[in-house]
Amino acid sequence: MKRQRTVKEFNVLIERDGEGYYVATVPALRGCHTQARSLDKLMERVREAIELCLEVEGGGYDSLDFVGVQKVTVPR
């Protein structure tokens, strides 16, 4: 009997660093980050990172609902 795969959705936060790399973070998976020069490559890598994190964590993850992004300014 073939095992049916379930599909899980994850929110991914994408930023660009000072050197031009795109950086992806998956808030629901602790320590799940990756980076790439292009968005296409980043999405490929983040899928791989999510799969690896789920494998290491045994499929467990925090269920988080996306609320929004807020930019905060602080004096330096």
N, C-alpha and C. Protein backbone atom coordinates (compact mmCIF):
# COMPACT_ATOMS: atom_id res chain seq x y z
N MET A 1 0.84 -1.17 0.00
CA MET A 1 0.00 0.00 0.00
C MET A 1 0.89 1.25 0.00
N LYS A 2 0.59 2.18 -0.88
CA LYS A 2 1.38 3.39 -1.01
C LYS A 2 0.99 4.39 0.06
N ARG A 3 1.99 4.99 0.71
CA ARG A 3 1.74 5.98 1.75
C ARG A 3 1.44 7.33 1.12
N GLN A 4 0.32 7.94 1.51
CA GLN A 4 -0.07 9.22 0.95
C GLN A 4 0.65 10.34 1.69
N ARG A 5 1.24 11.26 0.92
CA ARG A 5 1.96 12.38 1.52
C ARG A 5 1.00 13.51 1.83
N THR A 6 1.19 14.12 2.99
CA THR A 6 0.40 15.29 3.33
C THR A 6 1.17 16.54 2.91
N VAL A 7 0.45 17.60 2.70
CA VAL A 7 1.05 18.86 2.29
C VAL A 7 0.96 19.83 3.47
N LYS A 8 2.07 20.47 3.79
CA LYS A 8 2.11 21.45 4.86
C LYS A 8 2.53 22.79 4.28
N GLU A 9 1.95 23.86 4.78
CA GLU A 9 2.31 25.19 4.34
C GLU A 9 3.07 25.90 5.45
N PHE A 10 4.09 26.66 5.06
CA PHE A 10 4.88 27.42 6.01
C PHE A 10 5.03 28.86 5.51
N ASN A 11 4.95 29.80 6.43
CA ASN A 11 5.27 31.18 6.10
C ASN A 11 6.78 31.32 6.07
N VAL A 12 7.28 32.06 5.09
CA VAL A 12 8.72 32.27 4.93
C VAL A 12 8.96 33.77 4.89
N LEU A 13 9.82 34.24 5.78
CA LEU A 13 10.22 35.64 5.82
C LEU A 13 11.45 35.80 4.94
N ILE A 14 11.39 36.72 3.96
CA ILE A 14 12.51 36.92 3.04
C ILE A 14 13.02 38.34 3.19
N GLU A 15 14.34 38.46 3.36
CA GLU A 15 15.00 39.75 3.48
C GLU A 15 16.21 39.76 2.56
N ARG A 16 16.77 40.94 2.32
CA ARG A 16 18.01 41.03 1.54
C ARG A 16 19.07 41.67 2.42
N ASP A 17 20.25 41.04 2.48
CA ASP A 17 21.31 41.57 3.33
C ASP A 17 22.13 42.63 2.60
N GLY A 18 23.10 43.18 3.29
CA GLY A 18 23.92 44.26 2.76
C GLY A 18 24.77 43.86 1.56
N GLU A 19 25.00 42.58 1.36
CA GLU A 19 25.81 42.11 0.24
C GLU A 19 24.94 41.66 -0.95
N GLY A 20 23.62 41.83 -0.83
CA GLY A 20 22.73 41.49 -1.93
C GLY A 20 22.17 40.08 -1.91
N TYR A 21 22.50 39.30 -0.88
CA TYR A 21 21.94 37.94 -0.77
C TYR A 21 20.52 38.02 -0.22
N TYR A 22 19.65 37.15 -0.73
CA TYR A 22 18.32 36.99 -0.15
C TYR A 22 18.44 35.96 0.97
N VAL A 23 17.80 36.26 2.09
CA VAL A 23 17.86 35.40 3.27
C VAL A 23 16.44 35.00 3.64
N ALA A 24 16.20 33.70 3.77
CA ALA A 24 14.88 33.18 4.12
C ALA A 24 14.91 32.58 5.51
N THR A 25 13.86 32.88 6.28
CA THR A 25 13.69 32.33 7.61
C THR A 25 12.29 31.75 7.70
N VAL A 26 12.19 30.56 8.30
CA VAL A 26 10.89 29.92 8.50
C VAL A 26 10.59 29.98 10.00
N PRO A 27 9.76 30.95 10.43
CA PRO A 27 9.53 31.14 11.87
C PRO A 27 8.99 29.91 12.60
N ALA A 28 8.22 29.08 11.94
CA ALA A 28 7.62 27.91 12.61
C ALA A 28 8.63 26.80 12.88
N LEU A 29 9.80 26.87 12.22
CA LEU A 29 10.82 25.83 12.39
C LEU A 29 12.09 26.46 12.96
N ARG A 30 12.36 26.18 14.20
CA ARG A 30 13.51 26.76 14.88
C ARG A 30 14.81 26.46 14.13
N GLY A 31 15.55 27.52 13.81
CA GLY A 31 16.84 27.36 13.14
C GLY A 31 16.76 27.11 11.65
N CYS A 32 15.59 27.28 11.05
CA CYS A 32 15.43 27.01 9.62
C CYS A 32 15.67 28.29 8.83
N HIS A 33 16.87 28.41 8.27
CA HIS A 33 17.29 29.58 7.51
C HIS A 33 18.08 29.11 6.28
N THR A 34 18.09 29.95 5.25
CA THR A 34 18.96 29.70 4.10
C THR A 34 19.15 31.01 3.36
N GLN A 35 20.06 31.02 2.39
CA GLN A 35 20.31 32.23 1.62
C GLN A 35 20.70 31.88 0.20
N ALA A 36 20.54 32.86 -0.70
CA ALA A 36 20.90 32.67 -2.11
C ALA A 36 21.00 34.04 -2.78
N ARG A 37 21.62 34.06 -3.95
CA ARG A 37 21.75 35.30 -4.73
C ARG A 37 20.48 35.66 -5.48
N SER A 38 19.64 34.67 -5.84
CA SER A 38 18.41 34.94 -6.58
C SER A 38 17.21 34.39 -5.82
N LEU A 39 16.04 34.97 -6.09
CA LEU A 39 14.82 34.49 -5.43
C LEU A 39 14.46 33.07 -5.86
N ASP A 40 14.69 32.75 -7.13
CA ASP A 40 14.40 31.39 -7.61
C ASP A 40 15.23 30.37 -6.85
N LYS A 41 16.52 30.62 -6.72
CA LYS A 41 17.41 29.71 -6.00
C LYS A 41 17.04 29.66 -4.51
N LEU A 42 16.66 30.83 -3.97
CA LEU A 42 16.27 30.88 -2.56
C LEU A 42 15.07 29.99 -2.29
N MET A 43 14.06 30.03 -3.17
CA MET A 43 12.87 29.21 -2.96
C MET A 43 13.19 27.72 -3.06
N GLU A 44 14.09 27.37 -3.95
CA GLU A 44 14.54 25.98 -4.06
C GLU A 44 15.22 25.55 -2.76
N ARG A 45 16.10 26.41 -2.27
CA ARG A 45 16.84 26.08 -1.05
C ARG A 45 15.96 26.07 0.19
N VAL A 46 14.97 26.97 0.26
CA VAL A 46 14.13 26.99 1.46
C VAL A 46 13.26 25.74 1.52
N ARG A 47 12.81 25.24 0.38
CA ARG A 47 12.06 23.98 0.39
C ARG A 47 12.93 22.84 0.93
N GLU A 48 14.18 22.79 0.48
CA GLU A 48 15.11 21.77 0.97
C GLU A 48 15.35 21.93 2.47
N ALA A 49 15.51 23.18 2.91
CA ALA A 49 15.75 23.44 4.34
C ALA A 49 14.56 23.01 5.18
N ILE A 50 13.35 23.30 4.71
CA ILE A 50 12.14 22.89 5.43
C ILE A 50 12.07 21.37 5.54
N GLU A 51 12.31 20.69 4.44
CA GLU A 51 12.28 19.22 4.46
C GLU A 51 13.30 18.65 5.44
N LEU A 52 14.50 19.22 5.45
CA LEU A 52 15.54 18.75 6.38
C LEU A 52 15.16 19.04 7.83
N CYS A 53 14.64 20.23 8.10
CA CYS A 53 14.23 20.57 9.46
C CYS A 53 13.12 19.64 9.95
N LEU A 54 12.16 19.35 9.09
CA LEU A 54 11.08 18.44 9.47
C LEU A 54 11.61 17.03 9.74
N GLU A 55 12.57 16.62 8.93
CA GLU A 55 13.18 15.30 9.12
C GLU A 55 13.90 15.22 10.46
N VAL A 56 14.66 16.25 10.79
CA VAL A 56 15.42 16.28 12.05
C VAL A 56 14.48 16.37 13.25
N GLU A 57 13.44 17.19 13.13
CA GLU A 57 12.50 17.39 14.24
C GLU A 57 11.45 16.29 14.33
N GLY A 58 11.46 15.36 13.40
CA GLY A 58 10.49 14.27 13.42
C GLY A 58 9.10 14.72 13.01
N GLY A 59 9.03 15.80 12.23
CA GLY A 59 7.74 16.27 11.74
C GLY A 59 7.07 17.28 12.65
N GLY A 60 7.63 17.51 13.84
CA GLY A 60 7.03 18.47 14.76
C GLY A 60 7.42 19.91 14.44
N TYR A 61 6.48 20.81 14.58
CA TYR A 61 6.75 22.22 14.35
C TYR A 61 5.69 23.05 15.04
N ASP A 62 6.00 24.34 15.25
CA ASP A 62 5.05 25.26 15.85
C ASP A 62 4.05 25.71 14.79
N SER A 63 2.79 25.65 15.10
CA SER A 63 1.77 26.13 14.17
C SER A 63 1.57 27.61 14.45
N LEU A 64 1.98 28.45 13.50
CA LEU A 64 1.88 29.89 13.65
C LEU A 64 0.99 30.47 12.57
N ASP A 65 0.15 31.42 12.92
CA ASP A 65 -0.68 32.14 11.95
C ASP A 65 0.01 33.44 11.61
N PHE A 66 0.15 33.72 10.31
CA PHE A 66 0.78 34.96 9.88
C PHE A 66 -0.14 36.13 10.22
N VAL A 67 0.42 37.14 10.86
CA VAL A 67 -0.34 38.32 11.23
C VAL A 67 0.10 39.51 10.39
N GLY A 68 1.40 39.71 10.25
CA GLY A 68 1.89 40.83 9.47
C GLY A 68 3.35 41.11 9.76
N VAL A 69 3.87 42.11 9.09
CA VAL A 69 5.25 42.54 9.29
C VAL A 69 5.22 44.01 9.66
N GLN A 70 5.97 44.38 10.64
CA GLN A 70 6.02 45.75 11.08
C GLN A 70 7.47 46.20 11.15
N LYS A 71 7.78 47.34 10.55
CA LYS A 71 9.12 47.90 10.65
C LYS A 71 9.15 48.82 11.87
N VAL A 72 10.16 48.63 12.73
CA VAL A 72 10.30 49.41 13.95
C VAL A 72 11.61 50.18 13.89
N THR A 73 11.57 51.45 14.21
CA THR A 73 12.76 52.30 14.21
C THR A 73 13.16 52.58 15.65
N VAL A 74 14.46 52.42 15.93
CA VAL A 74 14.98 52.71 17.27
C VAL A 74 16.20 53.62 17.13
N PRO A 75 16.41 54.50 18.07
CA PRO A 75 17.58 55.38 17.99
C PRO A 75 18.86 54.60 18.26
N ARG A 76 19.93 55.03 17.60
CA ARG A 76 21.25 54.40 17.82
C ARG A 76 22.26 55.44 18.14
